[in-house]
Amino acid sequence: MTSAPIAVALDAPDLETAAHWASVVTPHVSTVKVGLELYLRYGPEVIASVRGASGVQVFLDLKLHDIPNTVAGAARAVARLRPAILTVHAAGGPAMIRAAVEALPDTRIAAVTVLTSLSAADLHGIGLEGSPDDAVRRLATLAVGAGAQALVCSPREVAAVRAEVGPDITLITPGVRPAGSATQDQARVATPERALADGADLLVIGRPITGAADPGAAAAGIAAALRRALTSTGRDA
């Protein structure tokens, strides 16, 4: 059975919980995501703990944002961990993105466009004019031009970004919530099926899976629904 294109966000309170969540979801999903809080609390050892013996892809979501030399050094520092994906902020500019790409050639550098927690009013407040869709498309074009192989955008913008950057860039969408789930701190959300239909390649899902009474069963259920959606649209399941 092919794993579903889901990155489970392991936003756990401790290393043991993160490793447990990873072990029960990896039969069903392609990727597990380690975020900034977990990485800062436990350091590089968290990667081996969540990868386990499964060989699941690890998405290291550090959202690097600094001068190019510092970002290049940070990227080289995590090279031995062999992350499949590492995030940087597109707002860091083309030289910074290019530095990460060159420093970590065996990892897909994913540029974060606009955080899914930000609304149009938030963007206006920090001086970004126009709609979130406009800001996302501008940053996506900039990042791809600098060599980013993947982009992070909300499912609300994924169709526009796909049209902007073409078929070869991996589109990663947080802010994915199965129907009936609470949105929590996400401002721009969609269901997994909608995000896939609009062109997403990898869906980041956290609390709807990890907050369930049985995270493994929750992952299996969402994965099965996605496989059905992929089959119905003719994409690889």
Protein backbone atom coordinates (compact mmCIF):
# COMPACT_ATOMS: atom_id res chain seq x y z
CA MET A 1 0.00 0.00 0.00
CA THR A 2 1.45 3.39 -1.00
CA SER A 3 1.82 5.90 1.80
CA ALA A 4 -0.44 8.94 1.53
CA PRO A 5 1.13 12.35 0.76
CA ILE A 6 0.80 13.57 4.33
CA ALA A 7 3.43 15.12 6.61
CA VAL A 8 2.30 14.58 10.19
CA ALA A 9 3.33 17.52 12.35
CA LEU A 10 4.91 16.02 15.47
CA ASP A 11 4.28 18.98 17.77
CA ALA A 12 4.69 16.82 20.86
CA PRO A 13 5.36 17.83 24.47
CA ASP A 14 8.28 15.39 24.77
CA LEU A 15 10.54 13.15 22.71
CA GLU A 16 8.84 9.91 23.73
CA THR A 17 5.44 11.15 22.57
CA ALA A 18 6.88 12.36 19.26
CA ALA A 19 8.56 8.98 18.66
CA HIS A 20 5.32 7.15 19.52
CA TRP A 21 3.24 9.29 17.17
CA ALA A 22 5.78 8.73 14.41
CA SER A 23 5.75 4.97 14.88
CA VAL A 24 1.96 4.67 14.67
CA VAL A 25 1.46 6.98 11.68
CA THR A 26 4.35 5.89 9.47
CA PRO A 27 2.56 2.84 8.05
CA HIS A 28 0.06 5.26 6.51
CA VAL A 29 1.89 8.51 5.64
CA SER A 30 4.98 9.41 3.64
CA THR A 31 6.51 12.02 5.94
CA VAL A 32 6.82 13.23 9.52
CA LYS A 33 7.50 16.88 10.32
CA VAL A 34 9.77 18.10 13.10
CA GLY A 35 9.19 21.74 13.96
CA LEU A 36 11.23 24.39 15.66
CA GLU A 37 10.02 23.79 19.22
CA LEU A 38 10.75 20.06 19.26
CA TYR A 39 14.11 20.51 17.53
CA LEU A 40 15.24 23.22 19.95
CA ARG A 41 14.16 21.20 22.97
CA TYR A 42 15.88 17.93 22.04
CA GLY A 43 18.35 18.80 19.30
CA PRO A 44 19.47 16.55 16.47
CA GLU A 45 18.65 13.34 18.36
CA VAL A 46 14.97 13.96 17.70
CA ILE A 47 15.47 13.13 14.02
CA ALA A 48 16.75 9.60 14.68
CA SER A 49 14.01 9.06 17.27
CA VAL A 50 11.16 9.90 14.91
CA ARG A 51 12.71 8.27 11.85
CA GLY A 52 13.14 4.96 13.69
CA ALA A 53 13.64 1.90 11.55
CA SER A 54 10.93 2.87 9.07
CA GLY A 55 13.03 5.18 6.93
CA VAL A 56 10.12 7.62 6.74
CA GLN A 57 10.94 10.98 5.17
CA VAL A 58 11.72 13.68 7.72
CA PHE A 59 10.60 17.23 7.03
CA LEU A 60 12.72 19.59 9.16
CA ASP A 61 10.61 22.71 9.53
CA LEU A 62 13.04 25.28 10.95
CA LYS A 63 11.96 28.21 8.73
CA LEU A 64 15.46 29.64 8.54
CA HIS A 65 15.55 33.41 8.03
CA ASP A 66 18.86 35.24 8.34
CA ILE A 67 21.69 36.60 6.22
CA PRO A 68 22.81 34.19 3.47
CA ASN A 69 26.06 33.17 5.16
CA THR A 70 24.30 32.27 8.41
CA VAL A 71 21.57 30.32 6.64
CA ALA A 72 24.17 28.41 4.61
CA GLY A 73 25.99 27.49 7.80
CA ALA A 74 22.78 26.37 9.48
CA ALA A 75 21.87 24.25 6.46
CA ARG A 76 25.30 22.57 6.48
CA ALA A 77 24.89 21.93 10.22
CA VAL A 78 21.83 19.73 9.62
CA ALA A 79 23.18 17.94 6.54
CA ARG A 80 24.22 14.86 8.53
CA LEU A 81 20.61 14.43 9.65
CA ARG A 82 19.58 13.81 6.02
CA PRO A 83 16.28 15.69 6.09
CA ALA A 84 14.19 15.17 2.99
CA ILE A 85 12.91 18.76 3.25
CA LEU A 86 14.20 21.87 5.04
CA THR A 87 12.25 25.12 5.20
CA VAL A 88 13.49 28.67 4.84
CA HIS A 89 11.46 31.88 4.69
CA ALA A 90 10.98 33.19 1.15
CA ALA A 91 10.99 36.70 2.61
CA GLY A 92 14.70 36.23 3.34
CA GLY A 93 15.30 36.99 -0.33
CA PRO A 94 16.87 35.22 -3.30
CA ALA A 95 20.48 35.28 -2.08
CA MET A 96 19.48 33.61 1.19
CA ILE A 97 17.40 30.94 -0.55
CA ARG A 98 20.20 30.25 -3.03
CA ALA A 99 22.68 29.90 -0.16
CA ALA A 100 20.53 27.20 1.46
CA VAL A 101 20.07 25.35 -1.84
CA GLU A 102 23.82 25.32 -2.51
CA ALA A 103 24.72 24.32 1.05
CA LEU A 104 22.32 21.36 1.16
CA PRO A 105 22.15 19.86 -2.35
CA ASP A 106 20.67 16.51 -1.28
CA THR A 107 17.69 18.08 0.50
CA ARG A 108 14.69 19.83 -1.01
CA ILE A 109 14.72 23.43 0.16
CA ALA A 110 11.13 24.55 0.70
CA ALA A 111 10.47 28.28 0.79
CA VAL A 112 7.69 29.38 3.14
CA THR A 113 5.61 32.07 1.43
CA VAL A 114 3.02 33.50 3.87
CA LEU A 115 2.30 31.79 7.18
CA THR A 116 -1.15 30.20 7.27
CA SER A 117 -1.86 31.96 10.57
CA LEU A 118 -1.81 35.37 8.83
CA SER A 119 -4.95 37.02 7.48
CA ALA A 120 -5.21 39.86 4.98
CA ALA A 121 -5.49 42.30 7.90
CA ASP A 122 -2.31 40.88 9.43
CA LEU A 123 -0.42 41.35 6.16
CA HIS A 124 -1.62 44.94 5.91
CA GLY A 125 -0.45 45.52 9.48
CA ILE A 126 3.09 44.42 8.71
CA GLY A 127 3.26 46.48 5.52
CA LEU A 128 2.52 43.88 2.84
CA GLU A 129 0.01 45.39 0.46
CA GLY A 130 -2.46 43.38 -1.55
CA SER A 131 -4.19 40.10 -0.77
CA PRO A 132 -2.51 37.01 0.71
CA ASP A 133 -2.86 35.43 -2.74
CA ASP A 134 -0.83 38.26 -4.33
CA ALA A 135 1.87 38.08 -1.65
CA VAL A 136 2.13 34.31 -1.92
CA ARG A 137 2.48 34.38 -5.71
CA ARG A 138 5.17 37.09 -5.58
CA LEU A 139 7.19 35.19 -2.99
CA ALA A 140 6.71 31.88 -4.80
CA THR A 141 8.08 33.28 -8.05
CA LEU A 142 11.04 34.84 -6.24
CA ALA A 143 11.86 31.61 -4.40
CA VAL A 144 11.68 29.35 -7.44
CA GLY A 145 13.87 31.77 -9.34
CA ALA A 146 16.45 31.41 -6.55
CA GLY A 147 16.45 27.61 -6.82
CA ALA A 148 13.87 26.48 -4.24
CA GLN A 149 12.54 23.03 -5.18
CA ALA A 150 9.44 23.29 -2.99
CA LEU A 151 7.07 25.95 -1.69
CA VAL A 152 4.91 26.16 1.41
CA CYS A 153 1.58 27.93 0.96
CA SER A 154 -1.91 27.65 2.34
CA PRO A 155 -4.41 25.47 0.46
CA ARG A 156 -6.33 28.62 -0.42
CA GLU A 157 -3.45 29.75 -2.69
CA VAL A 158 -2.21 26.42 -3.99
CA ALA A 159 -4.07 26.54 -7.32
CA ALA A 160 -2.76 30.04 -8.09
CA VAL A 161 0.78 29.05 -7.10
CA ARG A 162 0.64 25.91 -9.24
CA ALA A 163 -0.41 28.02 -12.22
CA GLU A 164 2.45 30.43 -11.47
CA VAL A 165 5.34 27.96 -11.01
CA GLY A 166 4.35 24.98 -13.16
CA PRO A 167 4.24 21.23 -12.46
CA ASP A 168 7.79 20.52 -11.29
CA ILE A 169 7.80 22.37 -7.95
CA THR A 170 6.62 20.48 -4.86
CA LEU A 171 3.76 22.35 -3.18
CA ILE A 172 3.40 21.77 0.55
CA THR A 173 0.23 22.92 2.27
CA PRO A 174 -0.28 23.40 5.99
CA GLY A 175 -3.64 24.67 7.17
CA VAL A 176 -5.25 21.39 6.12
CA ARG A 177 -8.24 20.34 8.23
CA PRO A 178 -10.55 17.37 7.59
CA ALA A 179 -14.21 18.38 7.41
CA GLY A 180 -15.55 19.05 10.90
CA SER A 181 -12.15 19.79 12.47
CA ALA A 182 -11.47 22.98 14.39
CA THR A 183 -9.26 25.51 12.60
CA GLN A 184 -7.26 26.36 15.79
CA ASP A 185 -4.69 29.08 14.95
CA GLN A 186 -4.92 28.69 11.17
CA ALA A 187 -6.57 31.52 9.24
CA ARG A 188 -6.57 30.06 5.70
CA VAL A 189 -7.64 26.40 5.64
CA ALA A 190 -9.16 23.72 3.38
CA THR A 191 -9.96 20.03 3.50
CA PRO A 192 -7.28 17.51 2.42
CA GLU A 193 -9.32 16.49 -0.63
CA ARG A 194 -9.73 20.12 -1.74
CA ALA A 195 -6.01 20.85 -1.30
CA LEU A 196 -5.06 17.83 -3.42
CA ALA A 197 -7.59 18.69 -6.11
CA ASP A 198 -6.11 22.19 -6.34
CA GLY A 199 -2.60 20.83 -6.94
CA ALA A 200 -0.92 20.26 -3.57
CA ASP A 201 1.74 17.52 -3.38
CA LEU A 202 2.22 17.17 0.39
CA LEU A 203 -0.33 18.01 3.09
CA VAL A 204 0.80 19.02 6.57
CA ILE A 205 -1.66 17.71 9.16
CA GLY A 206 -1.05 17.88 12.88
CA ARG A 207 -3.72 18.04 15.55
CA PRO A 208 -6.50 16.24 13.61
CA ILE A 209 -4.16 13.22 13.76
CA THR A 210 -1.98 13.69 16.85
CA GLY A 211 -4.85 15.03 18.95
CA ALA A 212 -7.04 12.00 18.21
CA ALA A 213 -7.60 9.27 20.78
CA ASP A 214 -5.88 6.87 18.35
CA PRO A 215 -3.43 8.80 16.12
CA GLY A 216 -2.64 5.72 14.05
CA ALA A 217 -6.30 5.14 13.24
CA ALA A 218 -6.81 8.83 12.48
CA ALA A 219 -3.86 8.78 10.07
CA ALA A 220 -5.16 5.62 8.43
CA GLY A 221 -8.61 7.13 7.93
CA ILE A 222 -7.35 10.37 6.39
CA ALA A 223 -4.86 8.44 4.24
CA ALA A 224 -7.60 6.16 2.90
CA ALA A 225 -9.77 9.17 2.02
CA LEU A 226 -6.87 10.78 0.19
CA ARG A 227 -6.10 7.62 -1.78
CA ARG A 228 -9.72 7.54 -2.91
CA ALA A 229 -9.53 11.21 -3.90
CA LEU A 230 -6.28 10.66 -5.82
CA THR A 231 -7.73 7.65 -7.66
CA SER A 232 -10.84 9.58 -8.62
CA THR A 233 -8.76 12.40 -10.10
CA GLY A 234 -6.39 10.08 -11.93
CA ARG A 235 -3.34 11.01 -9.85
CA ASP A 236 -1.03 8.35 -8.38
CA ALA A 237 -2.55 6.96 -5.19
